[in-house]
Amino acid sequence: DVPSLSLSVGEGALSSCWEDPGGPCATPRMLGGTTNLGGTRRKQRRISYILREEAGRHRSGVNSITLSARGDTLYSASRDGTARAWNTANTRSRCVKVYDSHTDWVNDCVLLGNETTLVTGSSDTSIKVWNTQTEECVNTLCLHNDYVKALACAQHKGFVASGGLDREVYLWDIEASKHPIAQGPGGGRGGGWGAQGG
């Protein structure tokens, strides 16, 4: 018999169990007990890893930040796949909202209009539009074929430009359409700025 390792995920914890065929019997309280599979007694040793999110912190590096016009809220885009809002009104800023819907790094973020709209660009190739108050993703824009690396905005026009590793640049009217209103001089299709149909 070959020793085996199994993993199980419980609420807030990841447990691994090492089974040693024919190992000495152990008490359940000390090493997790024994099992009897197919007439073979197996000793189980359990190791638990507690996977806790540190309160108010990103779980990985920060790629981009943007500050509200009043300076009381900072938005951060992180490699942990989230964007967060931070109350900066006092010296110990704290996370007050989490925008979590991307499946890969969030590389950039920008605020629009009266700061009720946050736009994020991600390595999952999508651009997401968020309601800053409810933390709800209200729109997902998918046109890039590679990581979305940079965003820029004309804040009071509701326009956002996106650039990606696919060598494309798009200009979006966030309020009006799911399609870009122009395509920039990216390398993928060549040419200069041009209006988009649809």
N, C-alpha and C. Protein backbone atom coordinates (compact mmCIF):
# COMPACT_ATOMS: atom_id res chain seq x y z
N ASP A 1 0.83 -1.21 0.00
CA ASP A 1 0.00 0.00 0.00
C ASP A 1 0.87 1.26 0.00
N VAL A 2 0.42 2.26 -0.73
CA VAL A 2 1.15 3.51 -0.84
C VAL A 2 0.44 4.56 0.01
N PRO A 3 1.19 5.33 0.81
CA PRO A 3 0.53 6.39 1.57
C PRO A 3 -0.16 7.36 0.63
N SER A 4 -1.27 7.93 1.05
CA SER A 4 -2.00 8.87 0.21
C SER A 4 -2.28 10.15 0.97
N LEU A 5 -2.45 11.21 0.22
CA LEU A 5 -2.74 12.52 0.78
C LEU A 5 -4.06 13.00 0.21
N SER A 6 -4.97 13.39 1.07
CA SER A 6 -6.24 13.93 0.59
C SER A 6 -6.44 15.32 1.17
N LEU A 7 -7.13 16.17 0.42
CA LEU A 7 -7.41 17.53 0.87
C LEU A 7 -8.91 17.71 0.97
N SER A 8 -9.34 18.43 1.97
CA SER A 8 -10.75 18.77 2.07
C SER A 8 -10.87 20.21 2.50
N VAL A 9 -11.90 20.88 2.01
CA VAL A 9 -12.11 22.27 2.33
C VAL A 9 -13.33 22.38 3.23
N GLY A 10 -13.12 22.95 4.39
CA GLY A 10 -14.22 23.21 5.31
C GLY A 10 -14.46 24.70 5.38
N GLU A 11 -15.38 25.12 6.22
CA GLU A 11 -15.69 26.53 6.32
C GLU A 11 -14.49 27.29 6.88
N GLY A 12 -13.87 28.09 6.03
CA GLY A 12 -12.75 28.91 6.47
C GLY A 12 -11.45 28.17 6.63
N ALA A 13 -11.37 26.88 6.28
CA ALA A 13 -10.13 26.14 6.50
C ALA A 13 -9.93 25.12 5.39
N LEU A 14 -8.68 24.86 5.12
CA LEU A 14 -8.29 23.82 4.17
C LEU A 14 -7.58 22.75 4.98
N SER A 15 -8.06 21.51 4.92
CA SER A 15 -7.46 20.44 5.70
C SER A 15 -6.84 19.42 4.78
N SER A 16 -5.69 18.91 5.18
CA SER A 16 -5.08 17.81 4.44
C SER A 16 -4.98 16.62 5.38
N CYS A 17 -5.11 15.44 4.80
CA CYS A 17 -5.08 14.23 5.62
C CYS A 17 -4.09 13.25 5.00
N TRP A 18 -3.07 12.87 5.74
CA TRP A 18 -2.06 11.93 5.28
C TRP A 18 -2.41 10.57 5.84
N GLU A 19 -2.65 9.61 4.95
CA GLU A 19 -3.00 8.27 5.40
C GLU A 19 -1.81 7.36 5.22
N ASP A 20 -1.41 6.71 6.29
CA ASP A 20 -0.26 5.81 6.28
C ASP A 20 -0.76 4.39 6.49
N PRO A 21 -0.75 3.54 5.44
CA PRO A 21 -1.28 2.19 5.57
C PRO A 21 -0.51 1.41 6.64
N GLY A 22 -1.25 0.73 7.46
CA GLY A 22 -0.63 -0.13 8.46
C GLY A 22 0.06 0.61 9.58
N GLY A 23 -0.11 1.91 9.67
CA GLY A 23 0.53 2.69 10.73
C GLY A 23 -0.09 2.38 12.07
N PRO A 24 0.58 2.73 13.12
CA PRO A 24 0.05 2.44 14.46
C PRO A 24 -1.24 3.20 14.71
N CYS A 25 -2.09 2.59 15.50
CA CYS A 25 -3.38 3.19 15.81
C CYS A 25 -3.15 4.45 16.64
N ALA A 26 -3.84 5.53 16.28
CA ALA A 26 -3.70 6.78 17.02
C ALA A 26 -5.07 7.19 17.54
N THR A 27 -5.08 7.92 18.61
CA THR A 27 -6.35 8.37 19.17
C THR A 27 -6.88 9.52 18.32
N PRO A 28 -8.19 9.60 18.16
CA PRO A 28 -8.76 10.64 17.31
C PRO A 28 -8.37 12.05 17.73
N ARG A 29 -8.20 12.26 19.05
CA ARG A 29 -7.89 13.61 19.50
C ARG A 29 -6.48 14.05 19.11
N MET A 30 -5.57 13.11 19.00
CA MET A 30 -4.19 13.48 18.74
C MET A 30 -3.87 13.59 17.26
N LEU A 31 -4.19 12.58 16.48
CA LEU A 31 -3.77 12.56 15.09
C LEU A 31 -4.92 12.35 14.11
N GLY A 32 -6.12 12.39 14.57
CA GLY A 32 -7.25 12.28 13.67
C GLY A 32 -7.83 10.88 13.57
N GLY A 33 -7.32 9.91 14.29
CA GLY A 33 -7.93 8.58 14.33
C GLY A 33 -7.44 7.68 13.22
N THR A 34 -8.13 6.55 13.05
CA THR A 34 -7.77 5.58 12.03
C THR A 34 -9.00 5.27 11.19
N THR A 35 -8.76 4.78 9.99
CA THR A 35 -9.85 4.31 9.16
C THR A 35 -9.57 2.86 8.81
N ASN A 36 -10.60 2.15 8.45
CA ASN A 36 -10.45 0.77 8.06
C ASN A 36 -11.03 0.62 6.67
N LEU A 37 -10.18 0.73 5.64
CA LEU A 37 -10.62 0.65 4.26
C LEU A 37 -10.15 -0.67 3.67
N GLY A 38 -11.08 -1.51 3.28
CA GLY A 38 -10.71 -2.78 2.66
C GLY A 38 -9.90 -3.68 3.59
N GLY A 39 -10.18 -3.61 4.88
CA GLY A 39 -9.48 -4.46 5.83
C GLY A 39 -8.12 -3.92 6.24
N THR A 40 -7.68 -2.78 5.71
CA THR A 40 -6.39 -2.20 6.06
C THR A 40 -6.60 -1.03 6.98
N ARG A 41 -5.92 -1.06 8.11
CA ARG A 41 -6.01 0.07 9.04
C ARG A 41 -5.07 1.17 8.57
N ARG A 42 -5.58 2.36 8.52
CA ARG A 42 -4.77 3.49 8.07
C ARG A 42 -4.78 4.57 9.15
N LYS A 43 -3.62 5.06 9.44
CA LYS A 43 -3.50 6.16 10.38
C LYS A 43 -3.72 7.47 9.63
N GLN A 44 -4.50 8.36 10.21
CA GLN A 44 -4.75 9.64 9.57
C GLN A 44 -4.09 10.75 10.40
N ARG A 45 -3.39 11.61 9.72
CA ARG A 45 -2.82 12.79 10.36
C ARG A 45 -3.43 14.00 9.67
N ARG A 46 -3.97 14.88 10.43
CA ARG A 46 -4.64 16.04 9.86
C ARG A 46 -3.81 17.30 10.10
N ILE A 47 -3.69 18.09 9.04
CA ILE A 47 -3.03 19.38 9.12
C ILE A 47 -4.03 20.39 8.59
N SER A 48 -4.29 21.43 9.33
CA SER A 48 -5.24 22.44 8.90
C SER A 48 -4.54 23.76 8.64
N TYR A 49 -4.96 24.43 7.56
CA TYR A 49 -4.46 25.75 7.23
C TYR A 49 -5.66 26.69 7.29
N ILE A 50 -5.56 27.70 8.08
CA ILE A 50 -6.64 28.67 8.19
C ILE A 50 -6.40 29.75 7.14
N LEU A 51 -7.36 29.89 6.22
CA LEU A 51 -7.24 30.87 5.14
C LEU A 51 -8.10 32.07 5.49
N ARG A 52 -7.49 33.03 6.15
CA ARG A 52 -8.22 34.21 6.58
C ARG A 52 -7.81 35.41 5.75
N GLU A 53 -8.78 36.21 5.43
CA GLU A 53 -8.48 37.48 4.78
C GLU A 53 -8.16 38.48 5.88
N GLU A 54 -7.02 39.16 5.74
CA GLU A 54 -6.69 40.18 6.71
C GLU A 54 -7.70 41.30 6.55
N ALA A 55 -8.32 41.66 7.64
CA ALA A 55 -9.38 42.67 7.57
C ALA A 55 -8.83 43.97 7.00
N GLY A 56 -9.53 44.47 5.98
CA GLY A 56 -9.20 45.77 5.44
C GLY A 56 -7.94 45.84 4.60
N ARG A 57 -7.45 44.70 4.11
CA ARG A 57 -6.24 44.72 3.28
C ARG A 57 -6.46 43.91 2.02
N HIS A 58 -5.74 44.28 0.98
CA HIS A 58 -5.70 43.43 -0.21
C HIS A 58 -4.88 42.20 0.12
N ARG A 59 -5.18 41.09 -0.57
CA ARG A 59 -4.44 39.84 -0.35
C ARG A 59 -3.20 39.75 -1.23
N SER A 60 -3.02 40.74 -2.12
CA SER A 60 -1.87 40.76 -3.01
C SER A 60 -1.56 42.20 -3.37
N GLY A 61 -0.58 42.41 -4.25
CA GLY A 61 -0.10 43.75 -4.57
C GLY A 61 -1.14 44.65 -5.20
N VAL A 62 -0.94 45.95 -5.04
CA VAL A 62 -1.82 46.96 -5.60
C VAL A 62 -1.22 47.45 -6.92
N ASN A 63 -2.02 47.45 -7.99
CA ASN A 63 -1.56 47.86 -9.31
C ASN A 63 -1.85 49.32 -9.64
N SER A 64 -2.92 49.87 -9.07
CA SER A 64 -3.35 51.22 -9.45
C SER A 64 -4.20 51.82 -8.35
N ILE A 65 -4.19 53.15 -8.27
CA ILE A 65 -5.06 53.85 -7.32
C ILE A 65 -5.63 55.09 -7.99
N THR A 66 -6.80 55.50 -7.52
CA THR A 66 -7.39 56.77 -7.96
C THR A 66 -8.09 57.39 -6.75
N LEU A 67 -8.06 58.71 -6.68
CA LEU A 67 -8.58 59.44 -5.54
C LEU A 67 -9.81 60.23 -5.95
N SER A 68 -10.80 60.26 -5.06
CA SER A 68 -12.01 61.05 -5.33
C SER A 68 -11.65 62.53 -5.35
N ALA A 69 -12.51 63.34 -5.97
CA ALA A 69 -12.25 64.78 -6.10
C ALA A 69 -12.12 65.45 -4.73
N ARG A 70 -12.92 65.00 -3.76
CA ARG A 70 -12.87 65.58 -2.42
C ARG A 70 -11.69 65.03 -1.62
N GLY A 71 -11.11 63.95 -2.08
CA GLY A 71 -9.97 63.37 -1.38
C GLY A 71 -10.36 62.51 -0.19
N ASP A 72 -11.65 62.22 -0.02
CA ASP A 72 -12.08 61.44 1.15
C ASP A 72 -12.21 59.95 0.86
N THR A 73 -12.10 59.56 -0.42
CA THR A 73 -12.18 58.14 -0.78
C THR A 73 -11.08 57.82 -1.79
N LEU A 74 -10.34 56.76 -1.51
CA LEU A 74 -9.30 56.26 -2.40
C LEU A 74 -9.76 54.91 -2.93
N TYR A 75 -9.61 54.68 -4.23
CA TYR A 75 -9.96 53.40 -4.85
C TYR A 75 -8.67 52.73 -5.29
N SER A 76 -8.56 51.43 -5.01
CA SER A 76 -7.35 50.68 -5.38
C SER A 76 -7.72 49.45 -6.20
N ALA A 77 -6.84 49.13 -7.15
CA ALA A 77 -7.02 47.95 -8.02
C ALA A 77 -5.87 47.00 -7.69
N SER A 78 -6.19 45.72 -7.48
CA SER A 78 -5.20 44.80 -6.94
C SER A 78 -5.05 43.51 -7.72
N ARG A 79 -3.90 42.89 -7.52
CA ARG A 79 -3.62 41.57 -8.10
C ARG A 79 -4.45 40.47 -7.44
N ASP A 80 -5.16 40.78 -6.36
CA ASP A 80 -6.03 39.77 -5.74
C ASP A 80 -7.37 39.66 -6.46
N GLY A 81 -7.56 40.42 -7.55
CA GLY A 81 -8.79 40.34 -8.34
C GLY A 81 -9.90 41.25 -7.87
N THR A 82 -9.59 42.13 -6.92
CA THR A 82 -10.61 43.05 -6.41
C THR A 82 -10.18 44.49 -6.58
N ALA A 83 -11.17 45.38 -6.53
CA ALA A 83 -10.94 46.81 -6.33
C ALA A 83 -11.57 47.12 -4.98
N ARG A 84 -11.02 48.10 -4.30
CA ARG A 84 -11.54 48.46 -2.98
C ARG A 84 -11.65 49.96 -2.84
N ALA A 85 -12.59 50.39 -1.99
CA ALA A 85 -12.74 51.80 -1.64
C ALA A 85 -12.28 51.97 -0.20
N TRP A 86 -11.51 53.03 0.03
CA TRP A 86 -10.93 53.30 1.35
C TRP A 86 -11.39 54.67 1.83
N ASN A 87 -11.83 54.75 3.08
CA ASN A 87 -12.19 56.03 3.68
C ASN A 87 -10.90 56.69 4.14
N THR A 88 -10.56 57.81 3.53
CA THR A 88 -9.31 58.50 3.87
C THR A 88 -9.56 59.75 4.70
N ALA A 89 -10.76 59.87 5.28
CA ALA A 89 -11.12 61.06 6.04
C ALA A 89 -10.31 61.20 7.32
N ASN A 90 -9.72 60.11 7.79
CA ASN A 90 -8.87 60.21 8.98
C ASN A 90 -7.53 59.52 8.70
N THR A 91 -6.62 59.59 9.64
CA THR A 91 -5.27 59.07 9.42
C THR A 91 -5.22 57.55 9.32
N ARG A 92 -6.18 56.85 9.91
CA ARG A 92 -6.23 55.38 9.80
C ARG A 92 -7.32 55.00 8.81
N SER A 93 -6.98 55.09 7.52
CA SER A 93 -7.98 54.78 6.50
C SER A 93 -8.39 53.32 6.60
N ARG A 94 -9.64 53.05 6.25
CA ARG A 94 -10.13 51.68 6.32
C ARG A 94 -10.92 51.35 5.07
N CYS A 95 -10.94 50.07 4.75
CA CYS A 95 -11.68 49.60 3.58
C CYS A 95 -13.17 49.67 3.89
N VAL A 96 -13.92 50.34 3.01
CA VAL A 96 -15.35 50.47 3.24
C VAL A 96 -16.19 49.73 2.20
N LYS A 97 -15.58 49.40 1.03
CA LYS A 97 -16.31 48.66 0.01
C LYS A 97 -15.34 47.78 -0.78
N VAL A 98 -15.85 46.62 -1.23
CA VAL A 98 -15.06 45.70 -2.05
C VAL A 98 -15.82 45.41 -3.34
N TYR A 99 -15.15 45.60 -4.47
CA TYR A 99 -15.73 45.34 -5.79
C TYR A 99 -15.08 44.06 -6.32
N ASP A 100 -15.83 42.98 -6.27
CA ASP A 100 -15.26 41.65 -6.49
C ASP A 100 -16.07 40.87 -7.53
N SER A 101 -15.59 40.86 -8.79
CA SER A 101 -16.25 40.09 -9.83
C SER A 101 -15.26 39.64 -10.90
N HIS A 102 -14.07 40.24 -10.93
CA HIS A 102 -13.05 39.84 -11.89
C HIS A 102 -12.48 38.48 -11.49
N THR A 103 -11.93 37.77 -12.47
CA THR A 103 -11.35 36.45 -12.21
C THR A 103 -9.83 36.45 -12.32
N ASP A 104 -9.24 37.62 -12.45
CA ASP A 104 -7.78 37.75 -12.54
C ASP A 104 -7.41 39.13 -12.00
N TRP A 105 -6.14 39.48 -12.08
CA TRP A 105 -5.66 40.77 -11.57
C TRP A 105 -6.53 41.92 -12.07
N VAL A 106 -6.76 42.89 -11.21
CA VAL A 106 -7.35 44.16 -11.62
C VAL A 106 -6.17 45.12 -11.80
N ASN A 107 -5.98 45.59 -13.03
CA ASN A 107 -4.79 46.37 -13.37
C ASN A 107 -4.96 47.88 -13.26
N ASP A 108 -6.19 48.37 -13.41
CA ASP A 108 -6.39 49.82 -13.38
C ASP A 108 -7.83 50.12 -12.98
N CYS A 109 -8.05 51.34 -12.49
CA CYS A 109 -9.40 51.78 -12.12
C CYS A 109 -9.50 53.29 -12.32
N VAL A 110 -10.69 53.74 -12.73
CA VAL A 110 -10.97 55.17 -12.89
C VAL A 110 -12.37 55.47 -12.38
N LEU A 111 -12.57 56.72 -11.93
CA LEU A 111 -13.87 57.20 -11.48
C LEU A 111 -14.50 58.07 -12.54
N LEU A 112 -15.82 58.00 -12.66
CA LEU A 112 -16.54 58.81 -13.64
C LEU A 112 -17.56 59.73 -13.00
N GLY A 113 -17.87 60.80 -13.71
CA GLY A 113 -18.99 61.68 -13.39
C GLY A 113 -18.99 62.18 -11.97
N ASN A 114 -20.11 61.97 -11.29
CA ASN A 114 -20.22 62.42 -9.90
C ASN A 114 -19.71 61.36 -8.94
N GLU A 115 -18.83 60.51 -9.44
CA GLU A 115 -18.13 59.49 -8.65
C GLU A 115 -19.06 58.39 -8.14
N THR A 116 -20.16 58.16 -8.86
CA THR A 116 -21.02 57.03 -8.54
C THR A 116 -20.67 55.83 -9.43
N THR A 117 -19.73 56.01 -10.36
CA THR A 117 -19.34 54.95 -11.27
C THR A 117 -17.84 54.72 -11.21
N LEU A 118 -17.45 53.47 -10.97
CA LEU A 118 -16.05 53.04 -10.99
C LEU A 118 -15.88 52.08 -12.15
N VAL A 119 -14.81 52.24 -12.92
CA VAL A 119 -14.53 51.35 -14.04
C VAL A 119 -13.20 50.67 -13.78
N THR A 120 -13.18 49.34 -13.95
CA THR A 120 -11.95 48.57 -13.71
C THR A 120 -11.57 47.77 -14.95
N GLY A 121 -10.27 47.63 -15.18
CA GLY A 121 -9.75 46.82 -16.27
C GLY A 121 -8.91 45.70 -15.70
N SER A 122 -9.01 44.50 -16.28
CA SER A 122 -8.44 43.33 -15.65
C SER A 122 -7.66 42.44 -16.62
N SER A 123 -6.83 41.59 -16.05
CA SER A 123 -6.13 40.57 -16.83
C SER A 123 -7.07 39.46 -17.30
N ASP A 124 -8.31 39.45 -16.83
CA ASP A 124 -9.30 38.50 -17.36
C ASP A 124 -9.86 38.99 -18.71
N THR A 125 -9.30 40.07 -19.24
CA THR A 125 -9.60 40.72 -20.53
C THR A 125 -10.90 41.54 -20.51
N SER A 126 -11.52 41.70 -19.37
CA SER A 126 -12.78 42.44 -19.31
C SER A 126 -12.60 43.81 -18.66
N ILE A 127 -13.57 44.66 -18.95
CA ILE A 127 -13.72 45.96 -18.28
C ILE A 127 -15.05 45.89 -17.55
N LYS A 128 -15.05 46.23 -16.28
CA LYS A 128 -16.30 46.18 -15.51
C LYS A 128 -16.66 47.58 -15.03
N VAL A 129 -17.97 47.83 -15.04
CA VAL A 129 -18.53 49.11 -14.61
C VAL A 129 -19.30 48.86 -13.32
N TRP A 130 -18.97 49.62 -12.29
CA TRP A 130 -19.50 49.39 -10.94
C TRP A 130 -20.29 50.60 -10.44
N ASN A 131 -21.34 50.32 -9.68
CA ASN A 131 -22.00 51.35 -8.89
C ASN A 131 -21.20 51.46 -7.60
N THR A 132 -20.59 52.62 -7.34
CA THR A 132 -19.70 52.74 -6.18
C THR A 132 -20.44 52.62 -4.86
N GLN A 133 -21.73 52.92 -4.84
CA GLN A 133 -22.48 52.87 -3.59
C GLN A 133 -22.93 51.45 -3.24
N THR A 134 -23.43 50.71 -4.24
CA THR A 134 -23.98 49.38 -3.96
C THR A 134 -22.97 48.25 -4.14
N GLU A 135 -21.79 48.56 -4.71
CA GLU A 135 -20.76 47.56 -5.03
C GLU A 135 -21.20 46.60 -6.13
N GLU A 136 -22.29 46.93 -6.83
CA GLU A 136 -22.82 46.05 -7.88
C GLU A 136 -22.12 46.31 -9.21
N CYS A 137 -21.77 45.22 -9.90
CA CYS A 137 -21.24 45.32 -11.26
C CYS A 137 -22.44 45.51 -12.19
N VAL A 138 -22.53 46.67 -12.84
CA VAL A 138 -23.71 46.97 -13.66
C VAL A 138 -23.49 46.71 -15.14
N ASN A 139 -22.22 46.50 -15.55
CA ASN A 139 -21.94 46.23 -16.96
C ASN A 139 -20.56 45.59 -17.09
N THR A 140 -20.44 44.68 -18.03
CA THR A 140 -19.15 44.07 -18.35
C THR A 140 -18.90 44.24 -19.84
N LEU A 141 -17.75 44.81 -20.18
CA LEU A 141 -17.40 45.09 -21.56
C LEU A 141 -16.27 44.14 -21.97
N CYS A 142 -16.52 43.36 -23.00
CA CYS A 142 -15.55 42.35 -23.43
C CYS A 142 -15.24 42.53 -24.91
N LEU A 143 -14.12 43.15 -25.20
CA LEU A 143 -13.70 43.28 -26.59
C LEU A 143 -12.19 43.02 -26.74
N HIS A 144 -11.45 43.27 -25.68
CA HIS A 144 -10.01 43.01 -25.71
C HIS A 144 -9.76 41.50 -25.78
N ASN A 145 -8.67 41.14 -26.45
CA ASN A 145 -8.28 39.73 -26.56
C ASN A 145 -7.13 39.36 -25.65
N ASP A 146 -6.67 40.31 -24.85
CA ASP A 146 -5.57 40.06 -23.91
C ASP A 146 -5.78 40.99 -22.71
N TYR A 147 -4.86 40.94 -21.77
CA TYR A 147 -5.00 41.72 -20.54
C TYR A 147 -5.34 43.18 -20.84
N VAL A 148 -6.30 43.74 -20.08
CA VAL A 148 -6.57 45.18 -20.12
C VAL A 148 -5.64 45.81 -19.10
N LYS A 149 -4.70 46.62 -19.58
CA LYS A 149 -3.64 47.14 -18.71
C LYS A 149 -3.83 48.58 -18.27
N ALA A 150 -4.54 49.41 -19.07
CA ALA A 150 -4.62 50.83 -18.74
C ALA A 150 -5.99 51.39 -19.09
N LEU A 151 -6.46 52.30 -18.23
CA LEU A 151 -7.71 53.02 -18.44
C LEU A 151 -7.44 54.51 -18.27
N ALA A 152 -8.17 55.33 -19.02
CA ALA A 152 -8.15 56.78 -18.85
C ALA A 152 -9.57 57.28 -19.07
N CYS A 153 -9.92 58.39 -18.44
CA CYS A 153 -11.30 58.84 -18.57
C CYS A 153 -11.40 60.33 -18.82
N ALA A 154 -12.48 60.71 -19.51
CA ALA A 154 -12.94 62.09 -19.58
C ALA A 154 -14.08 62.13 -18.58
N GLN A 155 -13.74 62.48 -17.36
CA GLN A 155 -14.60 62.24 -16.21
C GLN A 155 -16.03 62.74 -16.38
N HIS A 156 -16.22 63.94 -16.89
CA HIS A 156 -17.58 64.51 -16.94
C HIS A 156 -18.29 64.21 -18.25
N LYS A 157 -17.64 63.52 -19.17
CA LYS A 157 -18.28 63.11 -20.42
C LYS A 157 -18.76 61.66 -20.34
N GLY A 158 -18.25 60.89 -19.39
CA GLY A 158 -18.62 59.48 -19.30
C GLY A 158 -17.87 58.62 -20.30
N PHE A 159 -16.76 59.13 -20.82
CA PHE A 159 -15.94 58.37 -21.77
C PHE A 159 -14.77 57.73 -21.04
N VAL A 160 -14.48 56.47 -21.41
CA VAL A 160 -13.31 55.77 -20.88
C VAL A 160 -12.55 55.17 -22.04
N ALA A 161 -11.23 55.34 -22.02
CA ALA A 161 -10.37 54.71 -23.01
C ALA A 161 -9.69 53.52 -22.33
N SER A 162 -9.56 52.42 -23.08
CA SER A 162 -8.91 51.22 -22.53
C SER A 162 -7.79 50.78 -23.47
N GLY A 163 -6.70 50.32 -22.88
CA GLY A 163 -5.59 49.80 -23.67
C GLY A 163 -5.18 48.45 -23.13
N GLY A 164 -4.82 47.54 -24.03
CA GLY A 164 -4.50 46.18 -23.59
C GLY A 164 -3.26 45.63 -24.25
N LEU A 165 -2.86 44.45 -23.78
CA LEU A 165 -1.71 43.76 -24.35
C LEU A 165 -2.01 43.22 -25.76
N ASP A 166 -3.27 43.31 -26.19
CA ASP A 166 -3.60 42.93 -27.57
C ASP A 166 -3.24 44.06 -28.54
N ARG A 167 -2.60 45.12 -28.04
CA ARG A 167 -2.17 46.28 -28.82
C ARG A 167 -3.33 47.10 -29.36
N GLU A 168 -4.47 47.00 -28.71
CA GLU A 168 -5.66 47.76 -29.11
C GLU A 168 -5.99 48.82 -28.08
N VAL A 169 -6.52 49.93 -28.55
CA VAL A 169 -7.03 51.00 -27.70
C VAL A 169 -8.47 51.28 -28.13
N TYR A 170 -9.39 51.29 -27.17
CA TYR A 170 -10.80 51.54 -27.47
C TYR A 170 -11.29 52.73 -26.65
N LEU A 171 -12.22 53.48 -27.22
CA LEU A 171 -12.88 54.56 -26.51
C LEU A 171 -14.34 54.16 -26.31
N TRP A 172 -14.78 54.16 -25.05
CA TRP A 172 -16.12 53.69 -24.69
C TRP A 172 -16.96 54.85 -24.16
N ASP A 173 -18.23 54.89 -24.53
CA ASP A 173 -19.21 55.75 -23.88
C ASP A 173 -19.91 54.85 -22.87
N ILE A 174 -19.49 54.94 -21.64
CA ILE A 174 -19.91 53.98 -20.60
C ILE A 174 -21.42 53.98 -20.38
N GLU A 175 -22.04 55.13 -20.48
CA GLU A 175 -23.48 55.23 -20.21
C GLU A 175 -24.32 54.73 -21.38
N ALA A 176 -23.84 54.91 -22.60
CA ALA A 176 -24.70 54.72 -23.76
C ALA A 176 -24.63 53.35 -24.41
N SER A 177 -23.50 52.65 -24.30
CA SER A 177 -23.36 51.47 -25.16
C SER A 177 -22.43 50.44 -24.56
N LYS A 178 -22.62 49.19 -25.01
CA LYS A 178 -21.69 48.12 -24.67
C LYS A 178 -20.59 47.98 -25.72
N HIS A 179 -20.65 48.83 -26.76
CA HIS A 179 -19.69 48.79 -27.84
C HIS A 179 -18.85 50.05 -27.81
N PRO A 180 -17.57 49.97 -28.20
CA PRO A 180 -16.75 51.18 -28.21
C PRO A 180 -17.23 52.15 -29.28
N ILE A 181 -17.01 53.44 -29.03
CA ILE A 181 -17.39 54.44 -30.02
C ILE A 181 -16.24 54.73 -30.97
N ALA A 182 -15.02 54.31 -30.62
CA ALA A 182 -13.87 54.49 -31.51
C ALA A 182 -12.80 53.47 -31.16
N GLN A 183 -12.00 53.15 -32.16
CA GLN A 183 -10.86 52.25 -31.97
C GLN A 183 -9.60 53.03 -32.31
N GLY A 184 -8.62 52.94 -31.44
CA GLY A 184 -7.40 53.70 -31.60
C GLY A 184 -6.38 53.03 -32.50
N PRO A 185 -5.23 53.66 -32.59
CA PRO A 185 -4.18 53.16 -33.48
C PRO A 185 -3.43 51.99 -32.90
N GLY A 186 -4.15 50.99 -32.41
CA GLY A 186 -3.51 49.79 -31.88
C GLY A 186 -2.86 49.01 -32.99
N GLY A 187 -1.95 48.12 -32.62
CA GLY A 187 -1.20 47.38 -33.63
C GLY A 187 -1.94 46.20 -34.22
N GLY A 188 -3.02 45.75 -33.56
CA GLY A 188 -3.68 44.53 -34.00
C GLY A 188 -4.30 44.62 -35.37
N ARG A 189 -4.99 45.74 -35.66
CA ARG A 189 -5.66 45.88 -36.96
C ARG A 189 -5.09 47.02 -37.78
N GLY A 190 -4.14 47.75 -37.19
CA GLY A 190 -3.49 48.83 -37.92
C GLY A 190 -4.41 50.03 -38.09
N GLY A 191 -3.91 51.03 -38.81
CA GLY A 191 -4.74 52.20 -39.08
C GLY A 191 -4.77 53.15 -37.91
N GLY A 192 -5.55 54.23 -38.06
CA GLY A 192 -5.66 55.24 -37.03
C GLY A 192 -7.00 55.15 -36.33
N TRP A 193 -7.33 56.25 -35.64
CA TRP A 193 -8.60 56.29 -34.92
C TRP A 193 -9.75 56.17 -35.90
N GLY A 194 -10.74 55.40 -35.51
CA GLY A 194 -11.90 55.24 -36.39
C GLY A 194 -13.15 55.00 -35.60
N ALA A 195 -14.26 55.50 -36.08
CA ALA A 195 -15.55 55.27 -35.43
C ALA A 195 -15.92 53.81 -35.58
N GLN A 196 -16.58 53.29 -34.54
CA GLN A 196 -17.03 51.90 -34.54
C GLN A 196 -18.51 51.85 -34.85
N GLY A 197 -18.91 50.83 -35.58
CA GLY A 197 -20.34 50.63 -35.83
C GLY A 197 -20.98 49.85 -34.71
N GLY A 198 -22.29 49.85 -34.64
CA GLY A 198 -23.02 49.04 -33.69
C GLY A 198 -23.27 49.77 -32.45
